[in-house]
Protein backbone atom coordinates (compact mmCIF):
# COMPACT_ATOMS: atom_id res chain seq x y z
CA UNK A 1 -19.09 -5.87 72.13
CA UNK A 2 -19.85 -8.80 74.49
CA UNK A 3 -19.68 -8.12 78.22
CA UNK A 4 -16.19 -9.41 78.98
CA UNK A 5 -16.76 -9.56 82.75
CA UNK A 6 -19.73 -11.92 82.74
CA UNK A 7 -19.44 -13.21 79.18
CA UNK A 8 -23.16 -12.55 78.84
CA UNK A 9 -24.38 -12.12 75.27
CA UNK A 10 -27.08 -9.47 75.26
CA UNK A 11 -29.87 -10.15 72.77
CA UNK A 12 -32.57 -8.11 71.06
CA UNK A 13 -35.34 -10.35 69.71
CA UNK A 14 -37.28 -8.95 66.75
CA UNK A 15 -40.17 -11.12 65.55
CA UNK A 16 -43.83 -10.32 64.91
CA UNK A 17 -45.04 -13.62 66.43
CA UNK A 18 -45.65 -13.11 70.15
CA UNK A 19 -45.68 -16.83 70.98
CA UNK A 20 -42.28 -17.30 69.32
CA UNK A 21 -40.80 -14.40 71.30
CA UNK A 22 -42.26 -15.61 74.57
CA UNK A 23 -41.04 -19.16 73.94
CA UNK A 24 -37.48 -18.05 73.23
CA UNK A 25 -37.47 -15.73 76.23
CA UNK A 26 -38.37 -18.62 78.54
CA UNK A 27 -35.81 -20.86 76.86
CA UNK A 28 -32.98 -18.34 77.23
CA UNK A 29 -33.65 -18.10 80.95
CA UNK A 30 -31.96 -21.52 81.20
CA UNK A 31 -28.81 -20.28 79.41
CA UNK A 32 -26.37 -18.51 81.74
CA UNK A 33 -24.55 -16.66 78.98
CA UNK A 34 -27.57 -15.56 76.91
CA UNK A 35 -29.92 -12.79 77.97
CA UNK A 36 -32.75 -11.10 76.08
CA UNK A 37 -32.51 -7.45 77.08
CA UNK A 38 -35.52 -6.48 74.98
CA UNK A 39 -37.96 -7.77 72.38
CA UNK A 40 -40.33 -6.27 69.84
CA UNK A 41 -42.37 -6.95 66.71
CA UNK A 42 -41.08 -4.44 64.15
CA UNK A 43 -37.97 -2.90 62.66
CA UNK A 44 -39.12 0.55 63.76
CA UNK A 45 -39.44 -0.57 67.38
CA UNK A 46 -36.11 -2.38 67.23
CA UNK A 47 -34.24 0.71 66.04
CA UNK A 48 -35.75 2.73 68.89
CA UNK A 49 -34.76 0.06 71.41
CA UNK A 50 -31.17 0.00 70.15
CA UNK A 51 -30.80 3.64 71.09
CA UNK A 52 -31.49 2.84 74.74
CA UNK A 53 -30.02 -0.62 75.26
CA UNK A 54 -26.63 -2.31 74.88
CA UNK A 55 -27.10 -5.18 72.46
CA UNK A 56 -24.53 -7.69 71.21
CA UNK A 57 -26.67 -9.78 68.85
CA UNK A 58 -30.01 -9.03 67.20
CA UNK A 59 -32.17 -12.08 66.44
CA UNK A 60 -34.18 -10.90 63.47
CA UNK A 61 -37.07 -12.44 61.57
CA UNK A 62 -37.28 -11.72 57.83
CA UNK A 63 -41.01 -11.01 57.58
CA UNK A 64 -42.08 -8.30 60.03
CA UNK A 65 -45.56 -7.56 58.71
CA UNK A 66 -45.32 -4.39 56.58
CA UNK A 67 -41.55 -4.29 57.16
CA UNK A 68 -38.70 -6.59 56.17
CA UNK A 69 -35.45 -7.56 57.87
CA UNK A 70 -33.55 -5.53 55.28
CA UNK A 71 -35.28 -2.36 56.54
CA UNK A 72 -33.78 -2.89 59.98
CA UNK A 73 -30.35 -4.04 58.82
CA UNK A 74 -29.92 -1.05 56.50
CA UNK A 75 -31.09 1.48 59.09
CA UNK A 76 -29.04 -0.09 61.91
CA UNK A 77 -25.93 0.01 59.74
CA UNK A 78 -26.51 3.68 58.94
CA UNK A 79 -27.02 4.38 62.67
CA UNK A 80 -23.66 2.76 63.46
CA UNK A 81 -24.93 -0.30 65.35
CA UNK A 82 -21.73 -2.14 66.37
CA UNK A 83 -23.32 -5.50 67.17
CA UNK A 84 -24.13 -8.54 65.06
CA UNK A 85 -27.37 -9.59 63.40
CA UNK A 86 -28.51 -13.20 63.07
CA UNK A 87 -31.48 -13.83 60.78
CA UNK A 88 -33.83 -16.44 62.26
CA UNK A 89 -36.46 -17.24 59.67
CA UNK A 90 -39.01 -19.76 58.45
CA UNK A 91 -37.93 -19.04 54.87
CA UNK A 92 -36.12 -16.53 52.72
CA UNK A 93 -35.75 -15.93 48.98
CA UNK A 94 -32.41 -16.25 47.23
CA UNK A 95 -32.38 -12.58 46.32
CA UNK A 96 -33.17 -11.40 49.83
CA UNK A 97 -30.56 -13.70 51.37
CA UNK A 98 -27.90 -12.25 49.10
CA UNK A 99 -28.91 -8.66 49.89
CA UNK A 100 -28.83 -9.34 53.62
CA UNK A 101 -25.36 -10.89 53.38
CA UNK A 102 -24.18 -7.92 51.33
CA UNK A 103 -25.53 -5.60 54.04
CA UNK A 104 -23.45 -7.42 56.65
CA UNK A 105 -25.68 -9.85 58.57
CA UNK A 106 -23.62 -12.38 60.48
CA UNK A 107 -25.78 -15.38 59.74
CA UNK A 108 -29.01 -16.94 58.48
CA UNK A 109 -30.63 -19.74 60.48
CA UNK A 110 -33.86 -21.63 59.81
CA UNK A 111 -36.52 -21.80 62.52
CA UNK A 112 -36.81 -25.55 61.99
CA UNK A 113 -33.51 -25.97 63.82
CA UNK A 114 -33.43 -26.92 67.49
CA UNK A 115 -32.95 -24.34 70.23
CA UNK A 116 -29.55 -25.92 70.92
CA UNK A 117 -28.48 -25.11 67.35
CA UNK A 118 -29.80 -21.57 67.78
CA UNK A 119 -27.81 -21.07 70.98
CA UNK A 120 -24.68 -22.34 69.24
CA UNK A 121 -25.28 -19.99 66.30
CA UNK A 122 -25.71 -17.01 68.64
CA UNK A 123 -22.42 -17.76 70.40
CA UNK A 124 -20.75 -18.25 67.05
CA UNK A 125 -21.77 -14.88 65.59
CA UNK A 126 -21.11 -13.10 68.90
CA UNK A 127 -17.54 -14.41 68.66
CA UNK A 128 -17.16 -12.75 65.27
CA UNK A 129 -17.80 -15.81 63.12
CA UNK A 130 -20.31 -16.38 60.32
CA UNK A 131 -23.26 -18.78 60.55
CA UNK A 132 -24.76 -19.66 57.18
CA UNK A 133 -26.79 -22.82 56.70
CA UNK A 134 -25.55 -25.05 53.92
CA UNK A 135 -29.04 -25.01 52.44
CA UNK A 136 -28.58 -21.32 51.64
CA UNK A 137 -25.03 -21.55 50.32
CA UNK A 138 -26.10 -23.01 46.97
CA UNK A 139 -28.60 -20.21 46.53
CA UNK A 140 -25.99 -17.62 47.36
CA UNK A 141 -23.47 -19.04 44.91
CA UNK A 142 -26.08 -19.17 42.15
CA UNK A 143 -27.41 -15.70 42.86
CA UNK A 144 -24.28 -13.60 43.28
CA UNK A 145 -22.63 -12.44 40.05
CA UNK A 146 -18.88 -12.22 39.84
CA UNK A 147 -17.62 -8.71 40.52
CA UNK A 148 -16.51 -6.70 37.51
CA UNK A 149 -14.26 -4.39 39.53
CA UNK A 150 -10.53 -4.73 40.01
CA UNK A 151 -8.94 -8.08 39.27
CA UNK A 152 -9.33 -10.44 42.26
CA UNK A 153 -6.20 -11.48 44.13
CA UNK A 154 -4.85 -14.95 43.36
CA UNK A 155 -5.82 -17.55 45.95
CA UNK A 156 -3.80 -20.65 46.78
CA UNK A 157 -5.45 -24.04 47.23
CA UNK A 158 -5.16 -23.63 51.02
CA UNK A 159 -6.76 -20.17 50.78
CA UNK A 160 -9.67 -21.64 48.85
CA UNK A 161 -10.09 -24.54 51.27
CA UNK A 162 -10.10 -22.21 54.29
CA UNK A 163 -12.64 -19.99 52.55
CA UNK A 164 -14.90 -22.94 51.73
CA UNK A 165 -14.99 -24.02 55.37
CA UNK A 166 -15.52 -20.41 56.47
CA UNK A 167 -18.54 -20.20 54.16
CA UNK A 168 -19.90 -23.32 55.89
CA UNK A 169 -19.68 -21.48 59.22
CA UNK A 170 -16.98 -23.67 60.77
CA UNK A 171 -14.91 -22.32 63.67
CA UNK A 172 -11.11 -22.15 63.54
CA UNK A 173 -10.90 -25.32 65.62
CA UNK A 174 -13.29 -27.19 63.32
CA UNK A 175 -11.38 -26.02 60.24
CA UNK A 176 -8.15 -27.21 61.86
CA UNK A 177 -9.61 -30.70 62.32
CA UNK A 178 -10.92 -30.79 58.74
CA UNK A 179 -7.57 -29.71 57.29
CA UNK A 180 -5.37 -31.62 59.74
CA UNK A 181 -3.65 -28.40 60.80
CA UNK A 182 -3.01 -26.66 64.09
CA UNK A 183 -5.47 -23.95 65.11
CA UNK A 184 -2.66 -21.38 64.92
CA UNK A 185 -1.96 -22.42 61.32
CA UNK A 186 -5.63 -21.90 60.47
CA UNK A 187 -5.54 -18.45 62.07
CA UNK A 188 -2.46 -17.59 60.02
CA UNK A 189 -4.15 -18.79 56.84
CA UNK A 190 -7.22 -16.72 57.63
CA UNK A 191 -5.08 -13.63 58.18
CA UNK A 192 -3.49 -14.24 54.79
CA UNK A 193 -6.89 -14.65 53.13
CA UNK A 194 -8.24 -11.52 54.84
CA UNK A 195 -5.23 -9.61 53.58
CA UNK A 196 -5.75 -10.78 50.00
CA UNK A 197 -9.45 -9.95 50.13
CA UNK A 198 -8.78 -6.64 51.89
CA UNK A 199 -11.26 -7.44 54.69
CA UNK A 200 -11.11 -7.59 58.48
CA UNK A 201 -13.95 -9.92 59.48
CA UNK A 202 -15.43 -13.27 58.51
CA UNK A 203 -18.67 -11.63 57.41
CA UNK A 204 -16.77 -9.32 55.06
CA UNK A 205 -14.76 -12.29 53.76
CA UNK A 206 -17.98 -14.20 52.99
CA UNK A 207 -19.38 -11.22 51.10
CA UNK A 208 -16.24 -10.74 48.97
CA UNK A 209 -15.85 -14.48 48.38
CA UNK A 210 -19.41 -14.76 47.10
CA UNK A 211 -19.02 -11.69 44.89
CA UNK A 212 -15.58 -12.31 43.44
CA UNK A 213 -14.45 -15.91 44.01
CA UNK A 214 -17.51 -18.16 43.78
CA UNK A 215 -16.13 -19.79 40.60
CA UNK A 216 -13.02 -20.86 42.51
CA UNK A 217 -14.69 -22.30 45.62
């Protein structure tokens, strides 16, 4: 997904506020590994741009005038977009946050954060990790009902602890520090958790955890 030669993360910025887009574009010019390849104001424009540009991460506002972020995320998923989507918003309802997570967005970040935090979040999701603000986690746990499908796999205490830190958006190295483990031990624990949840990515693990294991976390 990311250009492995230059390690440049190619960005598509989708926001209906021109000043916000222009400000971020100027800011990213100072970041060697971040490049906005295109920008637009609507989901419709963004989908058209994806067909002609290689994009690693989409920075997506929730409110796009007559359209919503979910319109883009759903259509991009159906079109087979292989990249990651990071929601950058001034506010989002509990219900919409849950639906976006269920549709596979890699993160939700508030616009009140600094540009340094935004850059870190972009690199995090581009690396395959999840970036969810703690402020939204409570809403997600309250809003997502436990799945009534097949019986969930049994999680150990270490499984649950690794999942809790994953939901907080911590990297493997940060989880290792929190749990006083080696980074390789954390990776092994994550592989075990992924196997039990029958998922392959952090984003999928977050979705299943919120749907089926919120009472255990």
